[in-house]
Protein backbone atom coordinates (compact mmCIF):
# COMPACT_ATOMS: atom_id res chain seq x y z
CA MET A 1 -26.76 37.58 -11.31
CA MET A 2 -24.09 35.81 -13.30
CA ILE A 3 -21.89 34.40 -10.66
CA ARG A 4 -25.27 32.83 -9.75
CA VAL A 5 -25.99 31.67 -13.70
CA PHE A 6 -21.95 29.98 -13.41
CA PHE A 7 -22.72 27.87 -10.45
CA ILE A 8 -26.10 27.16 -11.81
CA ALA A 9 -24.71 25.57 -14.81
CA LEU A 10 -21.70 23.87 -12.49
CA LEU A 11 -23.99 21.70 -10.63
CA SER A 12 -25.79 20.85 -13.27
CA VAL A 13 -22.96 19.50 -15.10
CA LEU A 14 -21.60 17.83 -12.20
CA ASN A 15 -24.65 15.88 -11.40
CA THR A 16 -25.53 14.72 -14.77
CA THR A 17 -22.51 13.36 -15.34
CA PHE A 18 -22.82 10.89 -11.76
CA VAL A 19 -26.44 10.14 -12.71
CA PHE A 20 -25.34 9.20 -16.09
CA SER A 21 -22.88 6.34 -15.08
CA GLN A 22 -25.90 5.03 -13.33
CA LYS A 23 -27.10 1.64 -15.97
CA GLU A 24 -28.73 -1.49 -14.84
CA SER A 25 -26.51 -3.86 -13.07
CA ASP A 26 -28.67 -6.71 -12.84
CA TYR A 27 -27.82 -9.28 -15.75
CA LYS A 28 -29.28 -12.17 -14.17
CA LEU A 29 -32.12 -13.00 -16.59
CA MET A 30 -29.53 -12.19 -19.81
CA ARG A 31 -26.46 -14.24 -18.68
CA PHE A 32 -29.03 -17.19 -17.75
CA GLU A 33 -30.54 -16.58 -21.50
CA ILE A 34 -26.97 -16.07 -23.12
CA LYS A 35 -25.84 -19.13 -21.34
CA LYS A 36 -28.55 -21.31 -22.89
CA THR A 37 -28.00 -19.86 -26.25
CA GLY A 38 -24.49 -20.72 -25.98
CA LEU A 39 -25.44 -24.40 -25.28
CA LYS A 40 -27.89 -24.45 -28.21
CA TYR A 41 -25.35 -23.08 -30.52
CA SER A 42 -22.47 -25.29 -28.91
CA GLU A 43 -20.49 -25.59 -32.34
CA GLN A 44 -20.40 -21.96 -32.97
CA ILE A 45 -16.71 -21.39 -31.28
CA ASN A 46 -16.82 -17.85 -31.96
CA PHE A 47 -20.12 -16.61 -29.69
CA ASN A 48 -19.28 -18.87 -27.27
CA LYS A 49 -16.08 -17.31 -26.72
CA ALA A 50 -17.75 -13.79 -27.14
CA GLN A 51 -20.09 -14.37 -24.98
CA ARG A 52 -17.56 -15.69 -21.83
CA PHE A 53 -15.39 -12.48 -22.99
CA PHE A 54 -18.51 -10.85 -22.53
CA PHE A 55 -19.51 -11.12 -18.71
CA GLU A 56 -15.80 -11.24 -17.86
CA LYS A 57 -16.17 -7.45 -19.17
CA GLU A 58 -12.58 -8.19 -21.87
CA TRP A 59 -14.02 -5.53 -24.28
CA ASP A 60 -11.55 -5.75 -26.77
CA SER A 61 -11.81 -9.79 -26.96
CA THR A 62 -15.73 -9.28 -26.82
CA LEU A 63 -15.02 -7.58 -30.15
CA VAL A 64 -12.78 -9.57 -31.94
CA TYR A 65 -14.58 -12.61 -31.54
CA SER A 66 -18.32 -11.68 -32.05
CA MET A 67 -16.89 -10.05 -35.50
CA LYS A 68 -15.38 -12.85 -36.12
CA GLN A 69 -18.76 -15.13 -35.60
CA LEU A 70 -20.91 -11.89 -37.85
CA SER A 71 -18.20 -12.66 -40.99
CA GLY A 72 -20.17 -15.72 -41.54
CA LYS A 73 -23.29 -16.99 -41.76
CA ASN A 74 -25.91 -16.53 -38.35
CA ASN A 75 -29.55 -16.61 -37.70
CA ALA A 76 -31.70 -13.32 -36.32
CA GLU A 77 -31.06 -14.71 -32.65
CA LEU A 78 -27.10 -15.18 -33.25
CA SER A 79 -26.45 -11.39 -35.00
CA ASN A 80 -28.47 -9.81 -32.32
CA TYR A 81 -26.73 -11.08 -29.65
CA CYS A 82 -23.13 -10.18 -31.23
CA HIS A 83 -24.39 -6.54 -32.33
CA TYR A 84 -25.33 -6.20 -28.53
CA PHE A 85 -22.20 -7.58 -27.51
CA ARG A 86 -20.40 -5.28 -29.80
CA ALA A 87 -22.26 -2.06 -28.27
CA ILE A 88 -22.20 -2.95 -24.79
CA SER A 89 -17.99 -3.09 -25.50
CA PHE A 90 -18.16 0.01 -27.25
CA PHE A 91 -19.83 1.40 -24.55
CA GLU A 92 -17.93 0.80 -21.76
CA LYS A 93 -15.04 2.06 -24.12
CA LYS A 94 -16.73 5.10 -24.42
CA ILE A 95 -17.04 5.08 -28.48
CA LEU A 96 -19.98 6.09 -28.56
CA LYS A 97 -20.53 6.49 -31.92
CA GLU A 98 -19.78 2.33 -32.73
CA ALA A 99 -21.90 1.62 -30.21
CA LYS A 100 -25.14 4.11 -31.37
CA LYS A 101 -23.95 2.00 -34.89
CA GLU A 102 -24.46 -1.07 -33.34
CA PHE A 103 -27.25 -0.91 -31.20
CA ASN A 104 -29.30 0.46 -34.13
CA LEU A 105 -28.28 -2.74 -36.27
CA ILE A 106 -30.61 -5.16 -33.47
CA SER A 107 -34.18 -6.12 -34.60
CA SER A 108 -36.80 -4.92 -32.29
CA ASP A 109 -37.88 -8.37 -31.37
CA PHE A 110 -35.12 -9.14 -29.59
CA LYS A 111 -35.30 -10.64 -26.62
CA PHE A 112 -33.84 -7.90 -24.79
CA TYR A 113 -34.60 -5.16 -26.97
CA TYR A 114 -35.53 -2.98 -23.57
CA LYS A 115 -32.23 -3.16 -22.80
CA VAL A 116 -31.27 -1.54 -26.22
CA ASN A 117 -33.57 1.41 -26.14
CA PHE A 118 -32.32 1.55 -22.10
CA SER A 119 -28.47 2.01 -23.79
CA LEU A 120 -29.24 4.27 -26.68
CA GLY A 121 -31.48 6.53 -24.07
CA GLU A 122 -28.51 6.98 -22.25
CA ILE A 123 -26.30 8.18 -25.30
CA ALA A 124 -28.33 10.82 -26.42
CA LEU A 125 -28.35 12.14 -22.87
CA GLU A 126 -24.85 11.88 -22.59
CA GLN A 127 -24.79 13.99 -26.10
CA SER A 128 -27.51 16.21 -25.20
CA GLU A 129 -30.23 14.91 -27.44
CA PHE A 130 -32.58 15.07 -25.14
CA LYS A 131 -36.22 14.55 -26.74
CA ILE A 132 -34.54 11.97 -28.04
CA ALA A 133 -33.04 10.12 -25.11
CA LEU A 134 -36.71 10.61 -23.97
CA SER A 135 -38.18 8.30 -26.42
CA HIS A 136 -36.46 5.66 -25.70
CA PHE A 137 -36.73 5.66 -21.91
CA ASN A 138 -40.65 6.43 -22.63
CA ALA A 139 -40.93 3.21 -24.43
CA ILE A 140 -39.63 0.74 -21.54
CA GLU A 141 -41.38 3.27 -18.34
CA LYS A 142 -44.57 0.68 -18.23
CA LEU A 143 -42.39 -2.42 -17.84
CA ASN A 144 -42.99 -4.02 -15.15
CA GLU A 145 -39.39 -4.34 -13.50
CA ASP A 146 -40.29 -7.76 -11.82
CA PHE A 147 -40.15 -9.50 -15.35
CA TYR A 148 -37.37 -7.84 -16.70
CA ASP A 149 -33.69 -7.52 -15.39
CA PHE A 150 -33.77 -3.49 -15.01
CA LYS A 151 -34.11 -1.07 -12.30
CA LYS A 152 -37.08 1.52 -12.62
CA SER A 153 -35.62 3.96 -10.21
CA THR A 154 -32.92 4.51 -12.52
CA VAL A 155 -35.07 4.75 -16.02
CA PHE A 156 -37.76 7.28 -13.78
CA HIS A 157 -34.24 8.87 -12.69
CA ASN A 158 -32.81 9.66 -16.74
CA LEU A 159 -36.69 10.81 -17.56
CA GLY A 160 -36.59 13.31 -15.10
CA LEU A 161 -33.24 14.89 -15.88
CA CYS A 162 -34.10 14.95 -19.69
CA TYR A 163 -37.23 17.16 -18.53
CA LEU A 164 -34.80 19.20 -16.30
CA HIS A 165 -32.84 19.89 -19.48
CA LEU A 166 -35.60 20.21 -21.66
CA GLU A 167 -36.83 23.10 -19.11
CA LYS A 168 -39.94 20.95 -18.17
CA PHE A 169 -40.18 21.83 -14.22
CA ASP A 170 -42.85 19.92 -13.48
CA LYS A 171 -42.57 16.84 -15.51
CA ALA A 172 -39.02 16.95 -14.14
CA GLU A 173 -39.83 16.42 -10.15
CA GLU A 174 -42.47 14.35 -10.84
CA TYR A 175 -40.17 11.81 -12.32
CA LEU A 176 -37.43 12.97 -9.90
CA PHE A 177 -39.17 12.34 -6.94
CA GLU A 178 -40.46 8.53 -8.49
CA SER A 179 -37.15 7.58 -8.49
CA VAL A 180 -36.21 8.84 -5.19
CA LYS A 181 -39.37 6.86 -3.92
CA LEU A 182 -37.62 3.75 -5.46
CA GLN A 183 -33.81 4.80 -4.96
CA GLU A 184 -35.39 5.17 -1.15
CA VAL A 185 -37.20 1.49 -0.58
CA GLN A 186 -33.93 0.10 -1.86
CA LYS A 187 -31.43 1.86 0.45
CA ASP A 188 -29.33 2.94 -3.01
CA SER A 189 -27.30 5.65 -1.37
CA LEU A 190 -24.93 6.14 -4.08
CA MET A 191 -27.96 7.00 -6.61
CA LEU A 192 -29.92 8.85 -3.82
CA ILE A 193 -26.72 11.11 -3.53
CA GLY A 194 -27.16 11.77 -7.43
CA SER A 195 -30.70 12.50 -7.17
CA TYR A 196 -30.97 14.80 -4.18
CA MET A 197 -28.19 16.78 -6.04
CA ASP A 198 -30.67 17.09 -9.52
CA ILE A 199 -33.82 17.90 -7.08
CA ALA A 200 -32.05 20.92 -5.54
CA THR A 201 -30.68 21.60 -9.27
CA LEU A 202 -34.20 21.69 -10.23
CA TYR A 203 -35.01 24.09 -7.57
CA TYR A 204 -32.18 26.19 -8.06
CA VAL A 205 -32.49 26.88 -11.71
CA GLN A 206 -35.77 27.90 -10.67
CA TYR A 207 -34.59 30.32 -7.92
CA LYS A 208 -36.01 27.98 -4.96
CA ASP A 209 -33.48 28.17 -2.80
CA ASP A 210 -35.56 27.29 0.24
CA GLN A 211 -36.97 24.19 -1.53
CA ALA A 212 -33.31 23.47 -3.48
CA ILE A 213 -30.58 23.80 0.16
CA PRO A 214 -32.52 21.05 2.24
CA TYR A 215 -31.81 18.18 -0.91
CA PHE A 216 -28.21 19.62 -1.40
CA GLU A 217 -27.73 19.20 2.47
CA LYS A 218 -29.56 15.38 2.39
CA ALA A 219 -26.79 14.89 -0.64
CA TYR A 220 -23.95 16.71 1.55
CA HIS A 221 -24.88 14.36 4.52
CA LEU A 222 -25.55 11.08 2.98
CA SER A 223 -22.23 11.11 1.29
CA LYS A 224 -20.41 11.58 4.33
CA LYS A 225 -22.25 7.96 5.22
CA VAL A 226 -21.36 6.24 2.00
CA LYS A 227 -17.59 4.11 2.40
CA LYS A 228 -15.32 5.29 -0.64
CA ALA A 229 -17.48 7.21 -3.85
CA TYR A 230 -14.97 9.90 -3.61
CA GLU A 231 -15.72 11.70 -7.03
CA LEU A 232 -19.89 11.44 -5.21
CA LYS A 233 -18.18 13.52 -1.77
CA GLN A 234 -16.34 15.82 -4.13
CA ASN A 235 -19.25 17.15 -5.84
CA ALA A 236 -21.36 16.86 -2.94
CA THR A 237 -19.37 19.25 -0.92
CA LEU A 238 -18.41 21.04 -3.62
CA ASN A 239 -22.64 22.47 -3.74
CA MET A 240 -22.61 23.34 -0.40
CA ALA A 241 -20.16 25.45 -1.00
CA VAL A 242 -21.77 27.32 -3.73
CA VAL A 243 -24.69 27.17 -2.16
CA GLU A 244 -23.12 29.22 0.98
CA GLU A 245 -21.31 31.02 -2.03
CA ASN A 246 -24.56 32.50 -2.60
CA ARG A 247 -26.08 33.45 0.86
CA LYS A 248 -23.32 35.17 1.43
CA ASN A 249 -22.25 32.72 4.40
CA PHE A 250 -18.29 32.78 3.16
CA PRO A 251 -17.30 30.88 6.59
CA SER A 252 -19.21 28.26 5.51
CA ALA A 253 -18.25 28.07 2.16
CA LEU A 254 -14.44 28.42 2.65
CA THR A 255 -15.03 24.98 5.67
CA TYR A 256 -16.82 23.20 2.35
CA ARG A 257 -14.19 24.63 -0.18
CA LYS A 258 -11.48 22.98 2.38
CA GLU A 259 -13.04 20.10 2.27
CA TYR A 260 -13.78 19.71 -1.22
CA GLU A 261 -9.70 20.42 -1.93
CA THR A 262 -9.06 17.28 0.85
CA TRP A 263 -11.42 15.18 -1.62
CA LYS A 264 -10.04 16.29 -4.58
CA ASP A 265 -6.50 15.49 -3.36
CA PHE A 266 -6.98 12.66 -2.40
CA LEU A 267 -8.56 11.19 -5.32
CA ASN A 268 -5.23 12.51 -7.39
CA ASP A 269 -2.81 11.10 -4.46
CA GLN A 270 -4.82 8.26 -5.12
CA ASN A 271 -3.99 8.63 -9.39
CA LYS A 272 -0.39 9.19 -8.13
CA VAL A 273 0.03 5.70 -6.48
CA TRP A 274 -1.48 3.64 -9.06
CA ALA A 275 1.41 5.88 -11.44
CA ILE A 276 3.95 5.33 -8.67
CA ALA A 277 2.76 1.28 -8.70
CA ASP A 278 2.72 0.80 -12.29
CA LEU A 279 6.23 2.80 -12.76
CA GLU A 280 7.80 0.09 -10.75
CA LYS A 281 6.10 -2.35 -12.59
CA LYS A 282 7.93 -1.18 -15.66
CA PHE A 283 10.97 -1.19 -14.13
CA ALA A 284 10.91 -4.66 -12.81
CA ILE A 285 9.88 -5.74 -15.98
CA LYS A 286 12.85 -3.86 -17.47
CA GLN A 287 15.06 -5.23 -14.87
CA LYS A 288 14.35 -9.01 -15.43
CA GLN A 289 14.60 -8.54 -18.98
CA LYS A 290 17.79 -6.98 -18.62
CA GLU A 291 18.89 -10.45 -16.78
CA VAL A 292 17.24 -12.30 -19.42
CA ASN A 293 19.64 -10.78 -21.78
CA ILE A 294 22.71 -10.99 -20.24
CA LEU A 295 22.19 -14.64 -19.38
CA ALA A 296 21.73 -15.10 -22.84
CA ALA A 297 24.26 -13.70 -23.94
CA GLU A 298 26.76 -14.90 -21.04
CA ASN A 299 25.44 -18.46 -22.63
CA LYS A 300 26.36 -17.55 -25.98
CA ALA A 301 29.83 -16.38 -25.15
CA LYS A 302 29.88 -20.07 -23.74
CA ILE A 303 28.98 -22.01 -26.48
CA ALA A 304 31.69 -19.84 -28.83
CA GLU A 305 34.67 -20.44 -26.79
CA ARG A 306 33.38 -24.23 -26.36
CA ASN A 307 33.35 -24.30 -30.01
CA GLY A 308 36.71 -22.27 -30.41
CA PHE A 309 38.72 -25.11 -28.55
CA LEU A 310 36.74 -27.61 -30.69
CA ILE A 311 38.33 -25.83 -33.74
CA SER A 312 41.85 -25.11 -32.11
CA SER A 313 42.89 -28.91 -31.97
CA VAL A 314 42.33 -29.36 -35.61
CA LEU A 315 43.70 -26.21 -37.14
CA LEU A 316 46.50 -24.10 -35.63
CA PHE A 317 45.32 -20.82 -37.74
CA VAL A 318 41.76 -21.12 -36.76
CA LEU A 319 42.69 -21.13 -33.15
CA LEU A 320 44.79 -18.37 -33.19
CA GLY A 321 42.36 -16.27 -35.43
CA THR A 322 39.15 -17.53 -32.98
CA GLY A 323 41.62 -16.19 -29.84
CA VAL A 324 42.15 -13.31 -31.71
CA TYR A 325 38.03 -12.96 -32.12
CA PHE A 326 37.18 -13.67 -28.66
CA TYR A 327 40.08 -11.68 -26.78
CA ARG A 328 38.77 -8.18 -28.99
CA GLN A 329 35.77 -9.07 -28.10
CA LYS A 330 35.78 -9.90 -24.59
CA ILE A 331 37.82 -6.71 -24.46
CA ARG A 332 34.63 -4.65 -26.46
CA SER A 333 32.61 -6.50 -23.39
CA ASN A 334 34.27 -5.18 -20.61
CA LYS A 335 34.47 -1.81 -22.14
CA ILE A 336 30.38 -1.69 -22.22
CA ILE A 337 30.38 -3.57 -18.58
CA LEU A 338 32.56 -0.57 -17.15
CA ALA A 339 30.79 2.21 -19.38
CA GLN A 340 27.25 0.66 -17.65
CA LYS A 341 28.60 0.27 -13.88
CA ASN A 342 29.68 3.84 -14.00
CA GLU A 343 26.52 5.06 -15.44
CA LEU A 344 24.70 2.94 -12.91
CA ASP A 345 27.15 3.51 -10.59
CA GLU A 346 26.46 7.49 -10.78
CA LEU A 347 22.56 6.79 -11.00
CA ASN A 348 22.79 5.31 -7.52
CA ALA A 349 24.93 8.24 -6.27
CA THR A 350 21.95 10.54 -7.44
CA LYS A 351 19.25 7.88 -5.57
CA ASP A 352 21.45 7.96 -2.33
CA LYS A 353 21.22 11.56 -2.24
CA LEU A 354 17.66 11.94 -3.04
CA PHE A 355 17.09 9.44 -0.60
CA SER A 356 18.99 10.85 2.10
CA ILE A 357 18.05 14.73 1.84
CA VAL A 358 13.72 13.31 1.51
CA SER A 359 14.13 11.24 3.92
CA HIS A 360 15.79 13.82 6.19
CA ASP A 361 13.22 16.66 4.94
CA LEU A 362 9.79 14.00 5.79
CA ARG A 363 11.57 13.18 8.87
CA SER A 364 11.40 16.70 9.79
CA SER A 365 8.62 18.05 8.63
CA VAL A 366 6.98 14.96 10.28
CA ASN A 367 8.87 15.04 13.83
CA ALA A 368 7.57 18.96 13.43
CA LEU A 369 4.24 18.05 13.68
CA LYS A 370 4.82 15.88 16.54
CA VAL A 371 6.04 19.09 18.18
CA SER A 372 3.34 20.93 17.02
CA ASN A 373 0.30 18.39 18.12
CA SER A 374 1.63 17.95 21.42
CA LYS A 375 1.67 21.62 21.78
CA LEU A 376 -2.05 21.87 20.00
CA LEU A 377 -3.45 19.91 22.69
CA ASP A 378 -1.91 21.32 25.71
CA ASN A 379 -3.45 24.87 24.35
CA LEU A 380 -6.75 22.88 23.43
CA GLU A 381 -7.25 22.10 27.34
CA SER A 382 -5.80 25.41 28.27
CA LYS A 383 -8.34 26.78 25.67
CA ASN A 384 -5.88 29.51 24.70
CA TYR A 385 -7.75 29.78 21.21
CA THR A 386 -5.14 32.36 19.79
CA GLU A 387 -2.00 30.19 20.28
CA LEU A 388 -4.49 26.84 18.87
CA ASP A 389 -5.18 28.73 15.24
CA VAL A 390 -1.32 29.84 15.15
CA LEU A 391 -0.27 26.15 15.32
CA LEU A 392 -3.17 25.28 13.07
CA HIS A 393 -1.67 27.50 10.54
CA LYS A 394 1.76 26.18 11.29
CA ASN A 395 0.45 22.55 10.60
CA SER A 396 -1.09 23.20 7.33
CA SER A 397 2.29 24.97 6.08
CA ILE A 398 4.46 21.76 7.29
CA ALA A 399 1.65 19.63 5.47
CA SER A 400 1.88 21.39 2.63
CA GLY A 401 5.51 21.34 2.05
CA ALA A 402 5.41 17.66 3.21
CA TYR A 403 3.41 17.16 0.49
CA ASN A 404 4.82 19.21 -2.29
CA LEU A 405 8.23 17.74 -1.63
CA LEU A 406 6.61 14.19 -2.30
CA ASP A 407 4.68 15.67 -5.51
CA ASN A 408 8.25 16.73 -6.65
CA LEU A 409 9.45 13.28 -6.04
CA LEU A 410 7.03 11.92 -8.45
CA ASN A 411 7.80 13.82 -11.08
CA TRP A 412 11.51 14.18 -10.83
CA ALA A 413 11.26 10.72 -10.90
CA LEU A 414 8.81 9.83 -13.90
CA LEU A 415 11.08 12.80 -16.04
CA GLN A 416 14.28 10.56 -14.96
CA THR A 417 12.45 7.41 -16.29
CA GLN A 418 11.46 9.26 -19.13
CA GLN A 419 7.79 7.79 -18.21
CA SER A 420 6.35 11.39 -18.14
CA TYR A 421 4.04 12.32 -20.90
CA PHE A 422 5.18 15.54 -22.93
CA TYR A 423 3.44 17.36 -25.60
CA GLN A 424 4.26 20.69 -26.95
CA GLU A 425 1.09 22.82 -28.21
CA SER A 426 0.11 26.41 -28.00
CA LEU A 427 -0.70 27.75 -24.95
CA HIS A 428 -1.82 30.84 -23.44
CA LEU A 429 0.58 32.23 -20.99
CA SER A 430 -1.58 34.79 -18.89
CA SER A 431 -4.45 31.78 -19.06
CA ILE A 432 -1.90 29.22 -17.45
CA VAL A 433 -0.56 31.82 -14.24
CA GLN A 434 -3.85 32.51 -13.51
CA HIS A 435 -5.16 28.77 -13.66
CA VAL A 436 -1.81 27.97 -10.91
CA GLU A 437 -2.12 31.53 -8.91
CA TYR A 438 -5.98 30.36 -7.84
CA ASN A 439 -4.78 27.73 -5.97
CA TYR A 440 -2.18 29.68 -4.12
CA ARG A 441 -4.33 32.39 -2.94
CA PRO A 442 -5.21 31.27 0.78
CA LEU A 443 -1.53 30.82 1.45
CA MET A 444 -0.89 34.60 -0.01
CA LEU A 445 -3.90 35.72 2.29
CA ASN A 446 -2.54 34.18 5.59
CA LYS A 447 0.52 35.85 5.37
CA ASN A 448 -1.33 39.23 3.89
CA ILE A 449 0.59 39.25 1.07
CA SER A 450 -0.67 41.50 -1.88
CA PHE A 451 -0.16 39.69 -5.66
CA VAL A 452 -0.24 41.27 -8.81
CA ILE A 453 -0.48 39.25 -12.25
CA ASN A 454 0.28 41.55 -15.50
CA VAL A 455 0.96 39.08 -18.19
CA THR A 456 0.48 40.04 -21.17
CA ALA A 457 -2.51 39.35 -22.91
CA SER A 458 -0.98 38.41 -26.42
CA ASP A 459 1.79 36.26 -25.18
CA TYR A 460 1.07 32.37 -26.54
CA VAL A 461 4.02 30.33 -25.85
CA PHE A 462 5.04 26.74 -27.21
CA ALA A 463 5.45 24.29 -24.45
CA ASP A 464 4.22 20.99 -22.42
CA LEU A 465 0.68 22.00 -20.42
CA ASP A 466 1.79 20.01 -17.16
CA SER A 467 5.15 20.58 -17.08
CA LEU A 468 4.35 24.26 -17.35
CA LYS A 469 2.21 24.42 -14.13
CA ILE A 470 4.73 22.68 -12.59
CA ILE A 471 7.27 25.26 -13.32
CA ILE A 472 5.45 27.92 -11.95
CA ARG A 473 3.84 26.27 -9.00
CA ASN A 474 7.11 25.40 -7.97
CA PHE A 475 8.74 28.96 -8.44
CA LEU A 476 5.08 30.69 -6.96
CA ASP A 477 5.18 28.17 -3.72
CA ASN A 478 8.76 29.17 -3.46
CA ALA A 479 8.25 32.66 -3.57
CA ILE A 480 5.27 32.58 -0.99
CA LYS A 481 7.22 30.47 1.23
CA PHE A 482 10.14 33.39 1.45
CA SER A 483 8.07 35.88 1.39
CA LYS A 484 7.86 37.61 4.72
CA GLU A 485 4.40 38.59 6.44
CA ASN A 486 2.94 41.91 4.28
CA GLY A 487 5.28 41.24 1.58
CA THR A 488 4.51 41.59 -2.42
CA ILE A 489 4.16 38.96 -5.22
CA SER A 490 4.37 39.84 -8.57
CA ILE A 491 3.99 37.73 -12.02
CA TYR A 492 3.99 40.10 -15.31
CA SER A 493 5.90 39.89 -18.88
CA ARG A 494 9.02 41.60 -19.77
CA PRO A 495 9.20 42.26 -23.83
CA ALA A 496 9.28 39.53 -25.67
CA SER A 497 11.48 38.50 -28.51
CA GLU A 498 11.91 37.45 -32.02
CA GLU A 499 12.07 33.67 -30.34
CA PHE A 500 10.54 33.80 -26.77
CA CYS A 501 8.58 34.96 -24.46
CA TYR A 502 9.74 36.38 -20.37
CA LEU A 503 7.76 35.29 -17.81
CA VAL A 504 8.87 36.72 -14.07
CA ILE A 505 7.90 35.99 -10.75
CA GLU A 506 8.85 38.57 -8.31
CA ASP A 507 9.04 38.88 -4.71
CA THR A 508 9.57 41.55 -2.20
CA GLY A 509 11.59 38.41 0.75
CA LEU A 510 14.39 36.86 1.94
CA GLY A 511 16.47 36.90 -1.54
CA MET A 512 20.01 35.37 -1.73
CA ASN A 513 23.49 36.00 -2.26
CA GLU A 514 25.03 35.90 -5.33
CA ALA A 515 27.09 32.39 -4.21
CA THR A 516 23.68 30.51 -3.84
CA ARG A 517 22.24 31.86 -6.64
CA LYS A 518 25.10 30.73 -8.67
CA GLU A 519 24.95 27.28 -7.24
CA LEU A 520 20.71 27.18 -8.25
CA LEU A 521 21.62 27.86 -12.01
CA LYS A 522 24.40 25.16 -11.88
CA GLU A 523 24.07 22.36 -14.38
CA THR A 524 24.37 19.31 -12.82
CA ILE A 525 22.66 15.26 -12.90
CA LEU A 526 22.91 15.50 -8.97
CA LEU A 527 20.56 17.82 -6.64
CA SER A 528 21.74 21.70 -5.28
CA LYS A 529 23.86 21.06 -2.20
CA LYS A 530 21.91 21.81 1.09
CA GLN A 531 23.46 24.75 3.47
CA ASN A 532 20.30 25.44 5.48
CA ASP A 533 17.48 23.46 6.51
CA ASP A 534 15.39 26.19 6.55
CA ILE A 535 16.32 28.69 3.48
CA ILE A 536 18.13 26.26 0.92
CA GLY A 537 15.32 23.10 1.34
CA THR A 538 16.13 19.79 -0.82
CA GLY A 539 16.72 21.89 -4.06
CA LEU A 540 14.59 18.80 -5.59
CA GLY A 541 12.10 21.49 -7.05
CA MET A 542 14.52 23.44 -8.52
CA GLN A 543 16.21 21.13 -10.09
CA LEU A 544 12.75 19.66 -11.49
CA CYS A 545 12.24 23.14 -12.86
CA LYS A 546 15.17 23.67 -14.33
CA SER A 547 15.03 20.02 -16.13
CA LEU A 548 11.40 20.55 -17.30
CA ILE A 549 12.51 24.08 -18.67
CA ARG A 550 15.40 22.66 -20.56
CA LYS A 551 13.40 19.74 -21.79
CA ASN A 552 10.61 22.97 -23.07
CA GLU A 553 13.60 24.54 -25.27
CA GLY A 554 13.45 27.65 -22.82
CA THR A 555 15.80 29.24 -20.40
CA LEU A 556 16.00 30.39 -16.50
CA ASP A 557 17.81 33.02 -15.01
CA ILE A 558 18.03 34.61 -11.22
CA GLU A 559 17.97 37.88 -10.07
CA SER A 560 18.55 38.62 -6.15
CA GLU A 561 19.47 40.60 -3.31
CA GLU A 562 20.02 39.43 0.47
CA ASN A 563 16.82 40.72 2.54
CA VAL A 564 15.40 42.72 -1.24
CA GLY A 565 14.19 40.28 -2.84
CA THR A 566 14.31 37.31 -5.63
CA ARG A 567 13.08 37.57 -9.53
CA ILE A 568 12.80 34.15 -11.40
CA ILE A 569 12.98 35.05 -15.05
CA ILE A 570 11.55 32.14 -17.29
CA ALA A 571 12.07 31.96 -21.07
CA LEU A 572 10.04 29.93 -23.38
CA PRO A 573 9.56 29.40 -27.39
CA LYS A 574 7.07 31.72 -28.43
CA PHE A 575 4.36 30.62 -30.56
CA LYS A 576 5.18 32.09 -34.31
CA ASN A 577 1.71 30.68 -36.01
CA HIS A 578 -0.75 31.86 -33.90
CA GLY A 579 -2.97 34.03 -35.93
């Protein structure tokens, strides 16, 4: 019963979040009226700039010029438009308190006051003030959309959501179905997906599973047809996974879960691509700025030399003094340039070695996938399903390894260029470990690995959340990779000292000799040296973990014995002020 209630709450949150983003999109009438108003008050420069930036969606500039216009003398028409510009700008920037304040400053005789009611209803809906939202949506429910630029289907949909949250299920059902009828006529696939999920949720919270499940399936199948909209696909797939889990149909649930993780990873990959692009852009700007600074310094030196030669023709003493001065400056500049060259050579050496190792591993992974896929096709033709299962698991393992390599590479690059966000705070160690471990359960099940967590519930550390997850994820991934079938992995706490909490990740895998253990713990700028492709790997993950542990003011130790197992001991500063 508790599990079902939890998933119902989760489904409701997911669907409400999507539907709230559905706003009216047709601004033709408003655009025409605002342009006409701009021509009417052509002398009002600030107003015309504000309305131009408003339609260009430059929200910060809109706020600046609308405020400048409001600071002077205005009639009711200009004031209403300026307050509307500011309200929408704050709304788009997710500053809802200020948006609400600006909407309430607009007089009720404003020509587009129905848009004000619509937006105030959306704000109230997001802030869970459902009765207030109802009053705003009811105010525009009877308007004819043929004469007003808004979608009535969206108003009906939001009314249905309000009644759903107020547990007035009959009214919710009525409005949601009215919304679906209009959306089907308009062929609005994105809104239909959200509406199907909300209708399903409506029945699901009433335990009408037979009525709910077809709508979950409708939403899922429709999401497969739309292009992009990856967050919608992710939510629809997760809903199906939850439904199948509640029906105890675990094979289907697992299939949906895997598809959900695929969309989730795809969205994460998109974010990482943008992060890399932004990083490259900033790096290029810095390089250009360095070139400008060098040219400026060279021009300055040339001007100084020319002036020195002119002065030297007048006074020998000035010539001598100027010569000595520039000689010393030149020596100092050479020292700086030499130091910069040495640093650049060292960084280039690190970069070259990193690219060499990563390209070798990626090539190996791609080649392994190529060979495995060839075998897969052969076994598919011969219908050797046992071998097919083995090859598919192998392909998944190879892809996972390549993905982890690229993820570590991105985090390492962000760390080296000091672009990563870093904020130390109080973290509950046991919760973090359980959160990371959840994503690795399928890998451990595939190898039949027993897993034990025994982290002290009272341990709170002072660390950065993202970097701590990266550290635990890398060491847990290594423990799984180096563990044999039917092995054991344990994560537990050692007794804390006055200054540190100790987290131990122990496996019964291959282990390592003393030379390898010392090499892994060695402090160096360059990556760990490769000795065996199958066992050592790139060393990038270990280098990243050491850097992040050091940045969190912690320490790392390794205890290991060949063919017995490995014990990773991470010491992190204790958060002392936790009550």
